[in-house]
Structure formats: structure tokens, C-alpha cells
Amino acid sequence: MVILIKVLQLIMALSLLVLIHEFGHYIFARLFKIRVEQFYLFFPPAIFKYKPKKSDTEFGIGCIPLGGFCKISGMIDESMDKEALAQEPQPWEFRTRPAWQRLFVMIGGVLFNFIFAIFLYCTILFVWGKEYLRNDDAVYGIQVNELSERMGFRDGDRILAFDGAPVEDFFKLQADLVRSQAATASVLRAGDTLELAIDPELLPEAMNTPGLFSLAVPMAVGSVPDTSINAGVGLQAGDRFLQVGTQPVFYYKELQAALEQYKNTTVDVLFLRGADTVAVPLQVNDLGKIQVGLGGDVRAVQWTRKEYSFLEAIPAGFQLTFSTIGDYLKELKLIFTPKTEAYKSLGSFIAIGSIFPSTWNWQSFWNITAWLSIMLAVLNLLPIPALDGGHVLFVLYEMITRRKPSDKFLEYAQMVGMVLLLTLVVFALSNDFIRYVF
């Protein structure tokens, strides 16, 4: 069921974004009276098609849900319609239009994706506002994993800045570290401020290791199953662990280590329940477990929530869009920098689908869709033949040199671009296969 929900969200988001993108090409083509032969969601064979009277455009839905297309007359695209291009150019064709008009047609899809992202972010902020954890409010600091411990971080550290640049959002610590390829980290540890030198050899691994900095909060009881050996002893959800036997505990690792010492015995565990301290005798099995669901007491930290009026949401939505674009450009730069090994994080639709929540949540869905809209726009601007950016590059060349590339050259460039894109897709799929199978 979880996989089905993720797949449905992925198909819905990508279908919407493809329609928005292709509609951008379509609307500019029609604005300049360029004929659009087909406008399809998904790829043929068609399961539905319709051609309105007095219209040159056939609208349809294909049965292969891998995107969509807008076939513009006289344009060398993925259809590779050589027969049409061999005919005498017609006044309604893309290739007979001035360069500036062709430029607008080509950037139309990207432009509409950016506009859609702005619209989504403005709406999200207006409807749901923004909730996040200020880094300053993460009063218990971080919990480290094996990699962040090797980097020199310790449980309870409060990260203040990377290379002198403070981090506002706690949950962006790992992303900021990787994007900036930071050389140093300012850390507050036991009341002292330290400067940690970050080994650059570990940064590539940091990009592909989730959970580098987890939020440190007191360990608490999450649930007590009826089948637990400690069912009926009086535990309550939210009880915060203070002490096992005579040993104080705070982090999960400390709790686990303390319970290991009491295998097959009963131990008094001290809890904080509201404002009261209570002691509960718990049984520990031969594996050092108490068969109780655990969770962090997130109520122990103060979350920041900001509400936006309609007028406030508009500039905030623009700002969020442009900051997201900037962050994605930094990530893209890392991918094209081999020493960072960021290319290992490149994923296909499988990786994209995995970021959707396992239960349907409209706020998360629209946030992810807005981010994907930006990603689609930025990737399409790459100067690769077969992408919008490749076509834009050739049009700009024509506008600067006053010389138009031949149809034969554009045809070969399109073929090269499609091979490059296919190679990229295969590489991304192989990354996903390694990531999720091995």
C-alpha cells in the first residue's frame, strides 16, 4: 500500500509538471501563430485523442506514463520527423519564424515551470504557513552517526556555523555542509566553542549518507504493545527516560548500553512524567530489550511557526522559489564536480518517488511538486541538445552570429543529445538499483 501511494503521488506530480511545461511551449507557439500538431500527456500509443474542429492540434493521452510532448511544426525535436523537414518550409512552421520568437517558444516550458513553482510556494505559505526548527532552538544539539563521529562531531554538539556562515534551519545542517563543501565547523560543546577542521575526503560520503545530524531530544516511551513483557506495569506514552538503575540516560545509545547490563533481570527505571518523577521496575529480556516502542520527545524543543497573510505570502513565495533555485544550482555544480562524488547521488524516477511521504499529505505533496518543478526547469536549461537549453543555445548563436545552423546539423545534434540523455537515464537507474537493491 505504501508503494502504491508513493507511485500515485509520483505519477500525479510528474504528469502535472509535464502538462505545465508543455503548455508553456504550446501557448507561445500559438501566440506567434505557429502550428502545434500534437499535444500529449504521456507517450503513444494513444488511449485517448481528440482534435477539435477548426484546430490543427490533436490532443491526447498516451499509455506510457513517462512524460509528454508538444509537437510543433517545423521543429527538430525528439520525434525526428525527417519527412516533414524535407518539405518546403511553410509560413506556419517554427523554422520560418524570427529567432526571437523561436527563443520564446523554447523557454516557454521552463518559464511556466518557474511560474508554477512560485504559485505553489505562495499558496503553501498562505494555506499552511511555515514550521521549522531554528538551529538556535535545538537546545540538546545533535545526535551523530558513524560518519559524523569520524568527522569529529559528538552527541550533544550544537553546530553554530560552517566556514563562519550560520545555519538558521536545523534540518538544513547536512545540506548546508555538503553544498558549501565547508572546511570548518563552529561547534558549541560543553559550554566551549570549538573550531572543527572537516576532512575533505569525508565530504563525498556525507552527500550520500542520510541522518548525518539527527535532532537530539530526550528518549521517551512511544507505545507499549500488548504483547510486551512490560505491558501493564504502568508505563505511559511520553514518559521520558532519566535513569536506568544508577546510570543516567539521555540518548538512545546510552539507554541501549545501560539495558545491556541488565539482561534477563528487572531494573528500576526513572522517568519524568509531566512535572513528576516516577520509578517503574522493567523487565529486560536476554537481548537487552524492554519491548517498548521508543521515540524522541520532540516537545522538549521549541518549534517556530510563521503564518502568512495573502499579501505576505506572495513575496515570501518568490523568495522561497529563488532560494530553492540557488540551492539546486549548488547541488548541480557538485554533481558536475567529479571529486565531490555527488554524481553517486543522482537518481531516476525511483529515487524521486522515494521522497514522497508514505501517507497522503497535501502539504508535503505540493512542497515536493514545487521543488520538482524547479528541478525540471533548471535541468531543461542545461545546454544539451534535445533539451530546451540546447535549442536555446543554438538560437542564441544564430542571434549573435546572424547565421542559422543547418537543419542537418540540428538533426545530428538532436541525436547526440538523445544519446546523452539516454546514457544519463541508464546511469541514474543503475545508481537506484545499487542504492535500493544492494
Protein backbone atom coordinates (compact mmCIF):
# COMPACT_ATOMS: atom_id res chain seq x y z
CA MET A 1 0.00 0.00 0.00
CA VAL A 2 2.88 2.37 0.84
CA ILE A 3 4.48 1.78 -2.55
CA LEU A 4 1.15 2.37 -4.30
CA ILE A 5 0.66 5.71 -2.53
CA LYS A 6 4.19 6.82 -3.44
CA VAL A 7 3.73 5.76 -7.08
CA LEU A 8 0.39 7.57 -7.35
CA GLN A 9 1.93 10.76 -5.94
CA LEU A 10 4.89 10.48 -8.32
CA ILE A 11 2.68 9.98 -11.40
CA MET A 12 0.32 12.78 -10.37
CA ALA A 13 3.17 15.26 -9.71
CA LEU A 14 5.14 14.49 -12.86
CA SER A 15 2.02 14.45 -15.04
CA LEU A 16 1.02 17.88 -13.78
CA LEU A 17 4.53 19.26 -14.27
CA VAL A 18 4.80 17.86 -17.79
CA LEU A 19 1.45 19.41 -18.71
CA ILE A 20 2.57 22.78 -17.30
CA HIS A 21 5.90 22.56 -19.13
CA GLU A 22 4.48 21.55 -22.49
CA PHE A 23 1.68 24.10 -22.17
CA GLY A 24 4.38 26.77 -21.90
CA HIS A 25 5.73 25.72 -25.30
CA TYR A 26 2.19 25.44 -26.69
CA ILE A 27 0.98 28.86 -25.56
CA PHE A 28 3.97 30.71 -27.02
CA ALA A 29 3.75 28.74 -30.28
CA ARG A 30 0.07 29.65 -30.64
CA LEU A 31 0.83 33.25 -29.65
CA PHE A 32 3.13 33.51 -32.66
CA LYS A 33 0.70 31.55 -34.87
CA ILE A 34 2.99 28.54 -35.15
CA ARG A 35 1.14 25.31 -35.78
CA VAL A 36 1.14 22.70 -33.00
CA GLU A 37 0.42 19.27 -34.46
CA GLN A 38 0.11 17.24 -31.24
CA PHE A 39 -0.17 17.94 -27.52
CA TYR A 40 0.08 14.75 -25.44
CA LEU A 41 0.30 13.72 -21.83
CA PHE A 42 2.36 10.50 -21.74
CA PHE A 43 3.68 8.81 -24.86
CA PRO A 44 1.81 6.87 -27.58
CA PRO A 45 0.14 4.58 -28.34
CA ALA A 46 -2.81 6.80 -27.50
CA ILE A 47 -5.61 5.67 -25.22
CA PHE A 48 -7.46 8.91 -25.90
CA LYS A 49 -7.16 11.56 -28.59
CA TYR A 50 -9.29 14.44 -29.73
CA LYS A 51 -8.92 17.04 -32.47
CA PRO A 52 -11.30 19.99 -32.15
CA LYS A 53 -12.95 21.39 -35.24
CA LYS A 54 -11.04 24.24 -36.88
CA SER A 55 -7.93 23.24 -34.94
CA ASP A 56 -4.62 21.90 -36.22
CA THR A 57 -3.76 20.32 -32.87
CA GLU A 58 -4.51 16.77 -31.82
CA PHE A 59 -4.80 16.47 -28.03
CA GLY A 60 -4.27 13.07 -26.46
CA ILE A 61 -3.23 10.85 -23.58
CA GLY A 62 -0.74 8.05 -24.20
CA CYS A 63 -0.45 4.78 -22.34
CA ILE A 64 3.27 5.07 -21.47
CA PRO A 65 3.46 7.35 -18.38
CA LEU A 66 6.99 8.66 -18.92
CA GLY A 67 6.32 12.30 -19.73
CA GLY A 68 4.59 14.05 -22.58
CA PHE A 69 5.28 16.18 -25.64
CA CYS A 70 4.18 19.14 -27.71
CA LYS A 71 4.94 18.52 -31.40
CA ILE A 72 5.50 21.88 -33.09
CA SER A 73 5.50 22.05 -36.89
CA GLY A 74 8.91 22.59 -38.44
CA MET A 75 10.88 21.96 -35.27
CA ILE A 76 13.59 19.36 -34.93
CA ASP A 77 12.68 17.52 -31.73
CA GLU A 78 12.55 14.01 -30.29
CA SER A 79 10.07 12.93 -32.97
CA MET A 80 12.86 13.21 -35.58
CA ASP A 81 10.24 13.78 -38.30
CA LYS A 82 12.68 13.96 -41.23
CA GLU A 83 9.94 13.62 -43.82
CA ALA A 84 8.22 16.82 -42.69
CA LEU A 85 11.52 18.68 -42.50
CA ALA A 86 12.36 17.64 -46.07
CA GLN A 87 9.34 19.59 -47.35
CA GLU A 88 9.46 23.24 -48.37
CA PRO A 89 9.28 25.44 -45.23
CA GLN A 90 5.82 26.80 -44.59
CA PRO A 91 4.87 30.16 -43.01
CA TRP A 92 3.16 28.43 -40.03
CA GLU A 93 6.28 26.44 -39.12
CA PHE A 94 8.67 27.02 -36.26
CA ARG A 95 11.71 27.12 -38.55
CA THR A 96 10.37 30.07 -40.57
CA ARG A 97 9.82 32.28 -37.55
CA PRO A 98 12.26 35.02 -36.41
CA ALA A 99 14.90 33.90 -33.92
CA TRP A 100 13.41 35.93 -31.06
CA GLN A 101 10.04 34.20 -31.47
CA ARG A 102 11.67 30.78 -31.53
CA LEU A 103 13.59 31.72 -28.40
CA PHE A 104 10.36 32.48 -26.52
CA VAL A 105 8.80 29.22 -27.70
CA MET A 106 11.80 27.28 -26.43
CA ILE A 107 11.96 28.93 -23.00
CA GLY A 108 8.17 28.80 -22.57
CA GLY A 109 8.20 25.44 -20.81
CA VAL A 110 10.92 26.42 -18.36
CA LEU A 111 9.25 29.78 -17.72
CA PHE A 112 5.92 28.14 -16.91
CA ASN A 113 7.61 25.66 -14.54
CA PHE A 114 9.20 28.54 -12.63
CA ILE A 115 5.89 30.42 -12.52
CA PHE A 116 4.12 27.28 -11.30
CA ALA A 117 6.70 26.82 -8.52
CA ILE A 118 6.18 30.42 -7.40
CA PHE A 119 2.41 29.91 -7.40
CA LEU A 120 2.72 26.71 -5.36
CA TYR A 121 5.07 28.19 -2.77
CA CYS A 122 2.89 31.29 -2.35
CA THR A 123 -0.18 29.07 -1.89
CA ILE A 124 1.59 26.70 0.53
CA LEU A 125 2.75 29.57 2.73
CA PHE A 126 -0.70 31.18 2.69
CA VAL A 127 -2.59 27.96 3.47
CA TRP A 128 -0.21 26.14 5.84
CA GLY A 129 2.36 28.73 6.83
CA LYS A 130 5.88 27.62 7.65
CA GLU A 131 7.02 25.49 10.57
CA TYR A 132 10.65 24.76 11.19
CA LEU A 133 13.19 24.30 13.98
CA ARG A 134 15.57 27.19 14.40
CA ASN A 135 19.09 25.93 14.87
CA ASP A 136 19.36 28.08 18.00
CA ASP A 137 16.33 26.28 19.46
CA ALA A 138 17.89 22.81 19.09
CA VAL A 139 18.96 23.10 22.72
CA TYR A 140 20.05 19.46 23.04
CA GLY A 141 22.24 19.65 19.93
CA ILE A 142 22.79 16.80 17.53
CA GLN A 143 22.97 13.05 17.56
CA VAL A 144 25.77 11.75 15.40
CA ASN A 145 26.04 8.69 13.22
CA GLU A 146 29.21 6.78 12.43
CA LEU A 147 30.30 9.21 9.69
CA SER A 148 29.68 12.46 11.57
CA GLU A 149 31.53 10.95 14.54
CA ARG A 150 34.52 10.28 12.28
CA MET A 151 34.31 13.92 11.18
CA GLY A 152 34.84 14.94 14.79
CA PHE A 153 31.27 15.74 15.88
CA ARG A 154 29.88 14.35 19.13
CA ASP A 155 26.44 13.75 20.60
CA GLY A 156 25.15 16.97 22.14
CA ASP A 157 27.23 19.29 19.94
CA ARG A 158 25.42 22.43 18.84
CA ILE A 159 26.63 23.38 15.37
CA LEU A 160 26.80 27.17 15.08
CA ALA A 161 28.22 27.74 11.58
CA PHE A 162 30.06 26.26 8.63
CA ASP A 163 33.04 28.33 7.43
CA GLY A 164 31.69 31.19 9.53
CA ALA A 165 28.24 31.15 7.89
CA PRO A 166 25.48 30.49 10.46
CA VAL A 167 22.73 27.97 9.75
CA GLU A 168 19.17 29.05 10.55
CA ASP A 169 17.21 25.83 9.96
CA PHE A 170 18.40 22.82 11.99
CA PHE A 171 17.23 20.34 9.37
CA LYS A 172 19.39 22.01 6.72
CA LEU A 173 22.65 21.36 8.56
CA GLN A 174 23.69 18.42 6.39
CA ALA A 175 22.60 20.10 3.16
CA ASP A 176 24.49 23.31 4.01
CA LEU A 177 27.61 21.35 4.90
CA VAL A 178 27.57 19.48 1.61
CA ARG A 179 26.55 22.42 -0.61
CA SER A 180 29.24 24.69 0.82
CA GLN A 181 31.87 21.92 0.94
CA ALA A 182 32.81 23.50 4.25
CA ALA A 183 36.34 23.27 5.59
CA THR A 184 35.48 24.15 9.20
CA ALA A 185 32.56 23.95 11.61
CA SER A 186 31.99 26.11 14.67
CA VAL A 187 30.63 23.92 17.47
CA LEU A 188 29.41 24.60 20.99
CA ARG A 189 30.44 21.65 23.19
CA ALA A 190 30.00 21.57 26.97
CA GLY A 191 29.93 25.36 27.10
CA ASP A 192 33.05 25.85 24.97
CA THR A 193 33.18 26.95 21.31
CA LEU A 194 35.39 24.78 19.14
CA GLU A 195 36.54 25.02 15.53
CA LEU A 196 36.49 21.59 13.88
CA ALA A 197 38.51 21.03 10.73
CA ILE A 198 36.44 18.91 8.34
CA ASP A 199 38.33 16.29 6.39
CA PRO A 200 37.53 16.99 2.70
CA GLU A 201 37.95 13.29 1.98
CA LEU A 202 34.79 12.61 4.01
CA LEU A 203 32.55 15.16 2.26
CA PRO A 204 31.68 12.92 -0.73
CA GLU A 205 30.47 10.26 1.71
CA ALA A 206 28.45 12.89 3.59
CA MET A 207 26.41 13.60 0.47
CA ASN A 208 25.22 10.01 0.24
CA THR A 209 24.79 9.27 3.96
CA PRO A 210 21.38 10.22 5.37
CA GLY A 211 20.99 11.16 9.02
CA LEU A 212 24.39 12.82 9.40
CA PHE A 213 22.98 15.14 12.09
CA SER A 214 19.86 13.89 13.86
CA LEU A 215 17.99 16.05 16.33
CA ALA A 216 18.94 15.20 19.89
CA VAL A 217 15.88 15.08 22.15
CA PRO A 218 15.26 13.14 25.36
CA MET A 219 14.30 9.50 24.84
CA ALA A 220 10.69 8.76 25.73
CA VAL A 221 8.18 5.92 25.66
CA GLY A 222 6.32 5.88 22.36
CA SER A 223 4.00 2.92 22.87
CA VAL A 224 3.69 -0.29 24.87
CA PRO A 225 2.44 -3.27 22.81
CA ASP A 226 0.01 -5.66 24.49
CA THR A 227 2.49 -8.47 23.82
CA SER A 228 5.34 -6.66 25.59
CA ILE A 229 6.93 -8.22 28.68
CA ASN A 230 6.32 -4.82 30.30
CA ALA A 231 2.65 -4.48 29.37
CA GLY A 232 0.57 -3.49 32.38
CA VAL A 233 3.40 -2.12 34.52
CA GLY A 234 2.07 1.44 34.30
CA LEU A 235 4.16 2.95 31.50
CA GLN A 236 2.58 5.86 29.62
CA ALA A 237 3.33 7.30 26.21
CA GLY A 238 5.55 10.34 26.67
CA ASP A 239 7.33 9.09 29.80
CA ARG A 240 10.85 10.49 29.47
CA PHE A 241 13.81 8.24 30.44
CA LEU A 242 16.04 9.73 33.12
CA GLN A 243 17.92 6.84 34.65
CA VAL A 244 18.37 3.07 34.32
CA GLY A 245 19.45 1.63 37.66
CA THR A 246 22.05 4.16 38.80
CA GLN A 247 23.06 5.21 35.30
CA PRO A 248 21.68 8.48 33.80
CA VAL A 249 20.48 8.11 30.21
CA PHE A 250 19.51 10.62 27.57
CA TYR A 251 20.44 9.34 24.09
CA TYR A 252 19.26 6.07 22.57
CA LYS A 253 22.80 4.71 22.59
CA GLU A 254 23.09 5.42 26.32
CA LEU A 255 19.75 3.72 27.02
CA GLN A 256 20.74 0.71 24.93
CA ALA A 257 24.12 0.39 26.69
CA ALA A 258 22.52 0.66 30.13
CA LEU A 259 19.89 -2.01 29.42
CA GLU A 260 22.60 -4.39 28.15
CA GLN A 261 23.88 -4.62 31.73
CA TYR A 262 20.52 -5.93 33.00
CA LYS A 263 19.74 -8.80 30.60
CA ASN A 264 17.25 -11.33 32.00
CA THR A 265 16.67 -9.21 35.11
CA THR A 266 14.38 -6.48 36.39
CA VAL A 267 15.71 -2.96 36.82
CA ASP A 268 14.22 0.22 38.29
CA VAL A 269 13.94 2.89 35.57
CA LEU A 270 13.38 6.51 36.49
CA PHE A 271 11.04 8.54 34.26
CA LEU A 272 9.89 12.15 34.04
CA ARG A 273 6.11 12.19 33.67
CA GLY A 274 4.85 15.74 33.31
CA ALA A 275 6.32 17.52 36.34
CA ASP A 276 6.66 14.31 38.36
CA THR A 277 9.47 11.79 38.64
CA VAL A 278 8.32 8.16 38.75
CA ALA A 279 10.22 4.90 39.15
CA VAL A 280 8.97 1.83 37.27
CA PRO A 281 10.50 -1.66 37.52
CA LEU A 282 11.01 -3.01 33.99
CA GLN A 283 11.93 -6.48 32.78
CA VAL A 284 14.84 -6.75 30.36
CA ASN A 285 14.95 -9.80 28.06
CA ASP A 286 18.00 -11.82 27.04
CA LEU A 287 18.65 -9.40 24.14
CA GLY A 288 18.80 -6.36 26.39
CA LYS A 289 15.37 -5.14 25.21
CA ILE A 290 12.34 -3.96 27.16
CA GLN A 291 9.92 -4.44 24.22
CA VAL A 292 8.69 -0.87 24.38
CA GLY A 293 8.27 1.49 21.44
CA LEU A 294 10.70 4.39 21.76
CA GLY A 295 10.67 7.88 20.39
CA GLY A 296 12.26 11.27 20.90
CA ASP A 297 10.28 13.73 22.98
CA VAL A 298 10.08 16.50 20.34
CA ARG A 299 8.04 18.58 22.80
CA ALA A 300 11.34 19.26 24.53
CA VAL A 301 12.34 21.75 21.81
CA GLN A 302 10.52 24.85 20.65
CA TRP A 303 9.39 24.87 17.02
CA THR A 304 8.97 28.10 15.09
CA ARG A 305 5.75 28.63 13.17
CA LYS A 306 5.04 31.60 10.92
CA GLU A 307 1.65 32.40 9.42
CA TYR A 308 1.35 34.45 6.23
CA SER A 309 -1.43 36.70 5.05
CA PHE A 310 -2.29 36.65 1.36
CA LEU A 311 -0.14 39.72 0.68
CA GLU A 312 2.74 38.42 2.82
CA ALA A 313 2.72 35.03 1.11
CA ILE A 314 3.46 36.50 -2.34
CA PRO A 315 6.93 37.98 -1.68
CA ALA A 316 7.71 35.08 0.67
CA GLY A 317 6.80 32.62 -2.11
CA PHE A 318 9.07 34.44 -4.57
CA GLN A 319 11.90 34.43 -2.04
CA LEU A 320 11.46 30.71 -1.30
CA THR A 321 11.44 29.91 -5.03
CA PHE A 322 14.66 31.80 -5.74
CA SER A 323 16.44 30.39 -2.69
CA THR A 324 15.41 26.88 -3.79
CA ILE A 325 16.76 27.59 -7.28
CA GLY A 326 20.04 28.75 -5.75
CA ASP A 327 20.31 25.63 -3.59
CA TYR A 328 19.60 23.36 -6.56
CA LEU A 329 22.22 25.12 -8.70
CA LYS A 330 24.78 24.49 -5.95
CA GLU A 331 23.83 20.80 -5.92
CA LEU A 332 24.05 20.65 -9.71
CA LYS A 333 27.52 22.17 -9.58
CA LEU A 334 28.59 19.44 -7.17
CA ILE A 335 27.24 16.74 -9.50
CA PHE A 336 29.45 18.07 -12.31
CA THR A 337 32.48 18.21 -9.99
CA PRO A 338 33.86 14.64 -10.03
CA LYS A 339 35.94 14.93 -6.84
CA THR A 340 32.80 15.51 -4.76
CA GLU A 341 31.37 12.17 -5.98
CA ALA A 342 27.98 13.88 -5.95
CA TYR A 343 27.14 12.01 -9.16
CA LYS A 344 26.59 8.95 -6.97
CA SER A 345 23.51 10.64 -5.52
CA LEU A 346 21.96 11.05 -8.98
CA GLY A 347 18.72 9.09 -9.12
CA SER A 348 15.92 8.22 -11.53
CA PHE A 349 12.15 8.31 -11.02
CA ILE A 350 12.66 5.58 -8.40
CA ALA A 351 14.67 7.93 -6.19
CA ILE A 352 12.20 10.75 -6.85
CA GLY A 353 9.28 8.52 -5.85
CA SER A 354 11.01 7.57 -2.60
CA ILE A 355 10.95 11.17 -1.31
CA PHE A 356 7.15 11.30 -1.27
CA PRO A 357 5.54 10.50 2.12
CA SER A 358 4.12 7.03 2.73
CA THR A 359 0.74 8.52 3.65
CA TRP A 360 -1.09 11.10 1.58
CA ASN A 361 -0.28 14.59 2.84
CA TRP A 362 -1.23 17.51 0.61
CA GLN A 363 1.24 19.93 2.14
CA SER A 364 4.15 17.55 1.57
CA PHE A 365 2.86 16.67 -1.90
CA TRP A 366 2.71 20.28 -3.07
CA ASN A 367 6.08 21.11 -1.47
CA ILE A 368 7.74 18.24 -3.34
CA THR A 369 5.90 19.14 -6.56
CA ALA A 370 7.14 22.75 -6.32
CA TRP A 371 10.70 21.51 -5.84
CA LEU A 372 10.35 19.11 -8.79
CA SER A 373 9.03 21.96 -10.93
CA ILE A 374 12.21 23.91 -10.21
CA MET A 375 14.36 20.84 -10.83
CA LEU A 376 12.64 20.20 -14.17
CA ALA A 377 13.09 23.83 -15.22
CA VAL A 378 16.76 24.03 -14.26
CA LEU A 379 17.65 20.69 -15.86
CA ASN A 380 15.89 21.70 -19.08
CA LEU A 381 18.07 24.81 -19.25
CA LEU A 382 21.26 22.75 -19.45
CA PRO A 383 22.91 23.43 -22.84
CA ILE A 384 22.47 19.86 -24.04
CA PRO A 385 20.94 19.13 -27.47
CA ALA A 386 17.49 17.53 -27.07
CA LEU A 387 16.84 19.70 -24.01
CA ASP A 388 15.32 23.18 -24.18
CA GLY A 389 18.69 24.62 -23.18
CA GLY A 390 20.32 23.08 -26.26
CA HIS A 391 17.73 24.64 -28.57
CA VAL A 392 18.11 27.98 -26.78
CA LEU A 393 21.89 27.78 -27.22
CA PHE A 394 21.55 27.34 -30.99
CA VAL A 395 19.02 30.19 -31.26
CA LEU A 396 21.29 32.50 -29.27
CA TYR A 397 24.19 31.52 -31.55
CA GLU A 398 22.05 32.46 -34.52
CA MET A 399 21.04 35.80 -32.97
CA ILE A 400 24.67 36.70 -32.22
CA THR A 401 26.33 35.48 -35.44
CA ARG A 402 23.36 36.09 -37.78
CA ARG A 403 23.97 32.59 -39.11
CA LYS A 404 21.39 29.87 -38.65
CA PRO A 405 22.64 26.29 -38.08
CA SER A 406 21.55 23.97 -40.86
CA ASP A 407 18.69 21.52 -40.39
CA LYS A 408 21.14 18.67 -40.88
CA PHE A 409 23.37 19.98 -38.08
CA LEU A 410 20.39 20.38 -35.75
CA GLU A 411 19.25 16.88 -36.65
CA TYR A 412 22.61 15.35 -35.72
CA ALA A 413 22.83 17.48 -32.57
CA GLN A 414 19.39 16.22 -31.54
CA MET A 415 20.54 12.62 -32.00
CA VAL A 416 23.68 13.23 -29.92
CA GLY A 417 21.61 14.88 -27.21
CA MET A 418 19.17 11.98 -27.08
CA VAL A 419 22.06 9.51 -26.70
CA LEU A 420 23.49 11.63 -23.86
CA LEU A 421 20.11 11.76 -22.13
CA LEU A 422 19.59 8.02 -22.53
CA THR A 423 23.04 7.41 -21.05
CA LEU A 424 22.18 9.68 -18.13
CA VAL A 425 18.90 7.82 -17.53
CA VAL A 426 20.69 4.45 -17.56
CA PHE A 427 23.31 5.80 -15.12
CA ALA A 428 20.61 7.14 -12.78
CA LEU A 429 18.74 3.82 -12.91
CA SER A 430 21.92 1.92 -12.11
CA ASN A 431 22.52 4.21 -9.11
CA ASP A 432 19.00 3.47 -7.88
CA PHE A 433 19.50 -0.25 -8.42
CA ILE A 434 22.70 -0.21 -6.36
CA ARG A 435 21.13 2.04 -3.70
CA TYR A 436 17.90 0.11 -3.19
CA VAL A 437 18.90 -3.46 -4.06
CA PHE A 438 22.34 -3.68 -2.51
